[in-house]
C-alpha atoms as a PDB file:
ATOM      1  CA  UNK A   1      38.479  -3.949 210.419  1.00  0.00           C
ATOM      2  CA  UNK A   2      40.647  -4.926 207.429  1.00  0.00           C
ATOM      3  CA  UNK A   3      39.434  -4.947 203.827  1.00  0.00           C
ATOM      4  CA  UNK A   4      38.492  -8.332 202.339  1.00  0.00           C
ATOM      5  CA  UNK A   5      40.806  -9.714 199.638  1.00  0.00           C
ATOM      6  CA  UNK A   6      39.505  -9.466 196.085  1.00  0.00           C
ATOM      7  CA  UNK A   7      37.111 -12.279 195.123  1.00  0.00           C
ATOM      8  CA  UNK A   8      36.001 -12.939 198.684  1.00  0.00           C
ATOM      9  CA  UNK A   9      33.128 -11.815 200.841  1.00  0.00           C
ATOM     10  CA  UNK A  10      33.952 -10.717 204.324  1.00  0.00           C
ATOM     11  CA  UNK A  11      37.378 -12.310 204.091  1.00  0.00           C
ATOM     12  CA  UNK A  12      36.003 -15.816 203.382  1.00  0.00           C
ATOM     13  CA  UNK A  13      37.175 -17.711 200.266  1.00  0.00           C
ATOM     14  CA  UNK A  14      34.575 -18.505 197.569  1.00  0.00           C
ATOM     15  CA  UNK A  15      32.580 -21.674 198.234  1.00  0.00           C
ATOM     16  CA  UNK A  16      33.444 -24.927 196.445  1.00  0.00           C
ATOM     17  CA  UNK A  17      30.177 -24.858 194.485  1.00  0.00           C
ATOM     18  CA  UNK A  18      30.850 -21.310 193.309  1.00  0.00           C
ATOM     19  CA  UNK A  19      34.353 -22.306 192.169  1.00  0.00           C
ATOM     20  CA  UNK A  20      32.907 -25.365 190.372  1.00  0.00           C
ATOM     21  CA  UNK A  21      30.310 -23.202 188.558  1.00  0.00           C
ATOM     22  CA  UNK A  22      32.978 -20.712 187.553  1.00  0.00           C
ATOM     23  CA  UNK A  23      35.243 -23.539 186.291  1.00  0.00           C
ATOM     24  CA  UNK A  24      32.359 -25.064 184.286  1.00  0.00           C
ATOM     25  CA  UNK A  25      31.586 -21.670 182.735  1.00  0.00           C
ATOM     26  CA  UNK A  26      35.218 -21.150 181.723  1.00  0.00           C
ATOM     27  CA  UNK A  27      35.332 -24.657 180.196  1.00  0.00           C
ATOM     28  CA  UNK A  28      32.067 -24.090 178.315  1.00  0.00           C
ATOM     29  CA  UNK A  29      33.330 -20.796 176.879  1.00  0.00           C
ATOM     30  CA  UNK A  30      36.575 -22.446 175.781  1.00  0.00           C
ATOM     31  CA  UNK A  31      34.706 -25.251 174.009  1.00  0.00           C
ATOM     32  CA  UNK A  32      32.222 -22.922 172.331  1.00  0.00           C
ATOM     33  CA  UNK A  33      34.937 -20.585 171.079  1.00  0.00           C
ATOM     34  CA  UNK A  34      36.201 -23.384 168.792  1.00  0.00           C
ATOM     35  CA  UNK A  35      32.771 -24.349 167.395  1.00  0.00           C
ATOM     36  CA  UNK A  36      31.651 -23.283 163.971  1.00  0.00           C
ATOM     37  CA  UNK A  37      29.323 -24.485 161.242  1.00  0.00           C
ATOM     38  CA  UNK A  38      31.710 -23.435 158.497  1.00  0.00           C
ATOM     39  CA  UNK A  39      33.848 -25.872 156.538  1.00  0.00           C
ATOM     40  CA  UNK A  40      37.561 -25.178 156.929  1.00  0.00           C
ATOM     41  CA  UNK A  41      39.175 -23.353 154.046  1.00  0.00           C
ATOM     42  CA  UNK A  42      42.199 -25.161 152.677  1.00  0.00           C
ATOM     43  CA  UNK A  43      45.263 -22.958 152.629  1.00  0.00           C
ATOM     44  CA  UNK A  44      47.141 -22.592 149.404  1.00  0.00           C
ATOM     45  CA  UNK A  45      50.516 -24.304 149.465  1.00  0.00           C
ATOM     46  CA  UNK A  46      53.274 -21.761 149.944  1.00  0.00           C
ATOM     47  CA  UNK A  47      56.083 -24.010 148.798  1.00  0.00           C
ATOM     48  CA  UNK A  48      57.542 -25.167 145.539  1.00  0.00           C
ATOM     49  CA  UNK A  49      57.176 -28.876 144.859  1.00  0.00           C
ATOM     50  CA  UNK A  50      59.657 -31.209 143.207  1.00  0.00           C
ATOM     51  CA  UNK A  51      59.144 -32.139 139.553  1.00  0.00           C
ATOM     52  CA  UNK A  52      58.228 -35.754 140.376  1.00  0.00           C
ATOM     53  CA  UNK A  53      55.352 -34.790 142.688  1.00  0.00           C
ATOM     54  CA  UNK A  54      51.857 -35.729 141.554  1.00  0.00           C
ATOM     55  CA  UNK A  55      52.746 -37.554 138.359  1.00  0.00           C
ATOM     56  CA  UNK A  56      51.456 -41.131 138.279  1.00  0.00           C
ATOM     57  CA  UNK A  57      53.965 -43.428 136.582  1.00  0.00           C
ATOM     58  CA  UNK A  58      53.943 -47.186 136.015  1.00  0.00           C
ATOM     59  CA  UNK A  59      57.043 -49.329 136.559  1.00  0.00           C
ATOM     60  CA  UNK A  60      58.040 -52.424 134.571  1.00  0.00           C
ATOM     61  CA  UNK A  61      56.009 -54.688 136.886  1.00  0.00           C
ATOM     62  CA  UNK A  62      52.846 -52.627 136.315  1.00  0.00           C
ATOM     63  CA  UNK A  63      52.887 -50.921 139.733  1.00  0.00           C
ATOM     64  CA  UNK A  64      51.494 -47.390 139.595  1.00  0.00           C
ATOM     65  CA  UNK A  65      53.586 -44.931 141.584  1.00  0.00           C
ATOM     66  CA  UNK A  66      52.847 -41.412 142.791  1.00  0.00           C
ATOM     67  CA  UNK A  67      54.636 -39.054 145.185  1.00  0.00           C
ATOM     68  CA  UNK A  68      52.767 -36.577 147.378  1.00  0.00           C
ATOM     69  CA  UNK A  69      54.306 -33.781 149.422  1.00  0.00           C
ATOM     70  CA  UNK A  70      53.246 -31.957 152.534  1.00  0.00           C
ATOM     71  CA  UNK A  71      55.002 -29.281 154.521  1.00  0.00           C
ATOM     72  CA  UNK A  72      54.524 -26.581 157.117  1.00  0.00           C
ATOM     73  CA  UNK A  73      50.935 -26.168 155.994  1.00  0.00           C
ATOM     74  CA  UNK A  74      47.810 -28.317 155.958  1.00  0.00           C
ATOM     75  CA  UNK A  75      47.927 -29.379 152.323  1.00  0.00           C
ATOM     76  CA  UNK A  76      48.783 -32.513 150.367  1.00  0.00           C
ATOM     77  CA  UNK A  77      50.311 -31.695 146.985  1.00  0.00           C
ATOM     78  CA  UNK A  78      48.624 -32.769 144.861  1.00  0.00           C
ATOM     79  CA  UNK A  79      45.331 -33.105 146.705  1.00  0.00           C
ATOM     80  CA  UNK A  80      43.982 -35.415 143.984  1.00  0.00           C
ATOM     81  CA  UNK A  81      45.391 -38.092 141.715  1.00  0.00           C
ATOM     82  CA  UNK A  82      43.948 -40.835 139.498  1.00  0.00           C
ATOM     83  CA  UNK A  83      45.014 -44.459 139.109  1.00  0.00           C
ATOM     84  CA  UNK A  84      43.640 -47.557 137.386  1.00  0.00           C
ATOM     85  CA  UNK A  85      42.664 -50.715 139.282  1.00  0.00           C
ATOM     86  CA  UNK A  86      45.788 -52.621 140.344  1.00  0.00           C
ATOM     87  CA  UNK A  87      48.781 -52.179 142.602  1.00  0.00           C
ATOM     88  CA  UNK A  88      49.509 -48.628 143.740  1.00  0.00           C
ATOM     89  CA  UNK A  89      52.613 -47.329 145.505  1.00  0.00           C
ATOM     90  CA  UNK A  90      52.213 -43.966 147.273  1.00  0.00           C
ATOM     91  CA  UNK A  91      55.207 -42.095 148.655  1.00  0.00           C
ATOM     92  CA  UNK A  92      54.529 -39.192 151.007  1.00  0.00           C
ATOM     93  CA  UNK A  93      57.368 -36.741 151.501  1.00  0.00           C
ATOM     94  CA  UNK A  94      57.196 -34.296 154.413  1.00  0.00           C
ATOM     95  CA  UNK A  95      59.298 -31.290 153.429  1.00  0.00           C
ATOM     96  CA  UNK A  96      58.250 -29.395 156.556  1.00  0.00           C
ATOM     97  CA  UNK A  97      60.746 -27.802 158.868  1.00  0.00           C
ATOM     98  CA  UNK A  98      58.454 -28.044 161.896  1.00  0.00           C
ATOM     99  CA  UNK A  99      55.226 -29.961 161.318  1.00  0.00           C
ATOM    100  CA  UNK A 100      54.628 -33.676 161.709  1.00  0.00           C
ATOM    101  CA  UNK A 101      52.005 -35.312 159.487  1.00  0.00           C
ATOM    102  CA  UNK A 102      50.572 -38.728 158.800  1.00  0.00           C
ATOM    103  CA  UNK A 103      48.701 -40.334 155.897  1.00  0.00           C
ATOM    104  CA  UNK A 104      45.791 -42.728 155.853  1.00  0.00           C
ATOM    105  CA  UNK A 105      42.696 -43.452 153.858  1.00  0.00           C
ATOM    106  CA  UNK A 106      39.555 -42.183 155.586  1.00  0.00           C
ATOM    107  CA  UNK A 107      37.551 -44.981 157.148  1.00  0.00           C
ATOM    108  CA  UNK A 108      34.231 -45.564 155.404  1.00  0.00           C
ATOM    109  CA  UNK A 109      34.898 -42.905 152.731  1.00  0.00           C
ATOM    110  CA  UNK A 110      35.693 -45.118 149.749  1.00  0.00           C
ATOM    111  CA  UNK A 111      34.245 -48.051 147.850  1.00  0.00           C
ATOM    112  CA  UNK A 112      36.567 -50.456 149.720  1.00  0.00           C
ATOM    113  CA  UNK A 113      38.812 -50.083 152.772  1.00  0.00           C
ATOM    114  CA  UNK A 114      42.552 -49.509 152.391  1.00  0.00           C
ATOM    115  CA  UNK A 115      44.358 -50.426 155.607  1.00  0.00           C
ATOM    116  CA  UNK A 116      47.883 -49.327 154.660  1.00  0.00           C
ATOM    117  CA  UNK A 117      48.923 -46.059 156.272  1.00  0.00           C
ATOM    118  CA  UNK A 118      51.834 -43.944 157.386  1.00  0.00           C
ATOM    119  CA  UNK A 119      51.367 -43.379 161.141  1.00  0.00           C
ATOM    120  CA  UNK A 120      53.950 -40.615 161.677  1.00  0.00           C
ATOM    121  CA  UNK A 121      56.009 -38.614 159.229  1.00  0.00           C
ATOM    122  CA  UNK A 122      58.361 -36.124 160.858  1.00  0.00           C
ATOM    123  CA  UNK A 123      59.941 -33.114 159.175  1.00  0.00           C
ATOM    124  CA  UNK A 124      62.242 -34.196 156.342  1.00  0.00           C
ATOM    125  CA  UNK A 125      60.987 -37.794 156.342  1.00  0.00           C
ATOM    126  CA  UNK A 126      59.562 -39.809 153.466  1.00  0.00           C
ATOM    127  CA  UNK A 127      57.699 -43.117 153.558  1.00  0.00           C
ATOM    128  CA  UNK A 128      56.093 -45.390 150.974  1.00  0.00           C
ATOM    129  CA  UNK A 129      53.069 -47.674 151.201  1.00  0.00           C
ATOM    130  CA  UNK A 130      51.816 -50.178 148.645  1.00  0.00           C
ATOM    131  CA  UNK A 131      48.330 -51.623 148.241  1.00  0.00           C
ATOM    132  CA  UNK A 132      45.979 -53.037 145.623  1.00  0.00           C
ATOM    133  CA  UNK A 133      42.697 -51.425 144.574  1.00  0.00           C
ATOM    134  CA  UNK A 134      40.035 -53.123 142.491  1.00  0.00           C
ATOM    135  CA  UNK A 135      36.855 -51.139 143.163  1.00  0.00           C
ATOM    136  CA  UNK A 136      36.508 -47.958 141.076  1.00  0.00           C
ATOM    137  CA  UNK A 137      35.553 -44.746 142.850  1.00  0.00           C
ATOM    138  CA  UNK A 138      36.873 -41.963 145.037  1.00  0.00           C
ATOM    139  CA  UNK A 139      38.982 -42.807 148.087  1.00  0.00           C
ATOM    140  CA  UNK A 140      39.484 -39.932 150.521  1.00  0.00           C
ATOM    141  CA  UNK A 141      42.824 -39.710 152.340  1.00  0.00           C
ATOM    142  CA  UNK A 142      43.798 -37.490 155.239  1.00  0.00           C
ATOM    143  CA  UNK A 143      46.323 -36.363 157.770  1.00  0.00           C
ATOM    144  CA  UNK A 144      44.463 -37.307 160.946  1.00  0.00           C
ATOM    145  CA  UNK A 145      46.563 -34.818 162.923  1.00  0.00           C
ATOM    146  CA  UNK A 146      45.196 -31.950 160.795  1.00  0.00           C
ATOM    147  CA  UNK A 147      41.850 -33.271 159.608  1.00  0.00           C
ATOM    148  CA  UNK A 148      39.933 -30.466 161.339  1.00  0.00           C
ATOM    149  CA  UNK A 149      42.110 -28.008 159.435  1.00  0.00           C
ATOM    150  CA  UNK A 150      41.130 -29.573 156.115  1.00  0.00           C
ATOM    151  CA  UNK A 151      44.207 -31.641 155.248  1.00  0.00           C
ATOM    152  CA  UNK A 152      42.499 -34.149 152.976  1.00  0.00           C
ATOM    153  CA  UNK A 153      42.763 -35.390 149.428  1.00  0.00           C
ATOM    154  CA  UNK A 154      41.225 -37.865 147.003  1.00  0.00           C
ATOM    155  CA  UNK A 155      42.563 -40.818 145.048  1.00  0.00           C
ATOM    156  CA  UNK A 156      40.263 -41.700 142.155  1.00  0.00           C
ATOM    157  CA  UNK A 157      40.316 -45.248 140.808  1.00  0.00           C
ATOM    158  CA  UNK A 158      38.981 -45.356 137.252  1.00  0.00           C
ATOM    159  CA  UNK A 159      36.490 -47.968 136.089  1.00  0.00           C
END
């Protein structure tokens, strides 16, 4: 009589229901290993930013302009900026060598919706959006690709 192969009884393969239970258990363990009640900790940026980053300026037409940077981390630099009601032009520069990001205002997280967004920003790319804000308050923005890792920021519109 020959020995049964590992994982079998008497030379018979495991039943379909046993394989299904084992697969469900493996899936459950994989899902639970990523669960936590802790808020993600934002990493500190490990890159130098250009001199024009984060400074809100106003052009001759009264448009407020600000440049944000992101890179091979999960951080917008700066993570906060303040503007007055009016037209705002935001440029996001991805100085990453590897990571792709995006930029949009978080749905339902501000006093009024802002639909303009940057859907994909590959390494080395830069894109600008322009919109008008009238309602004062805090408007959260995010990289939806890295939201779970804490890549968020806030634009404050003064009253």
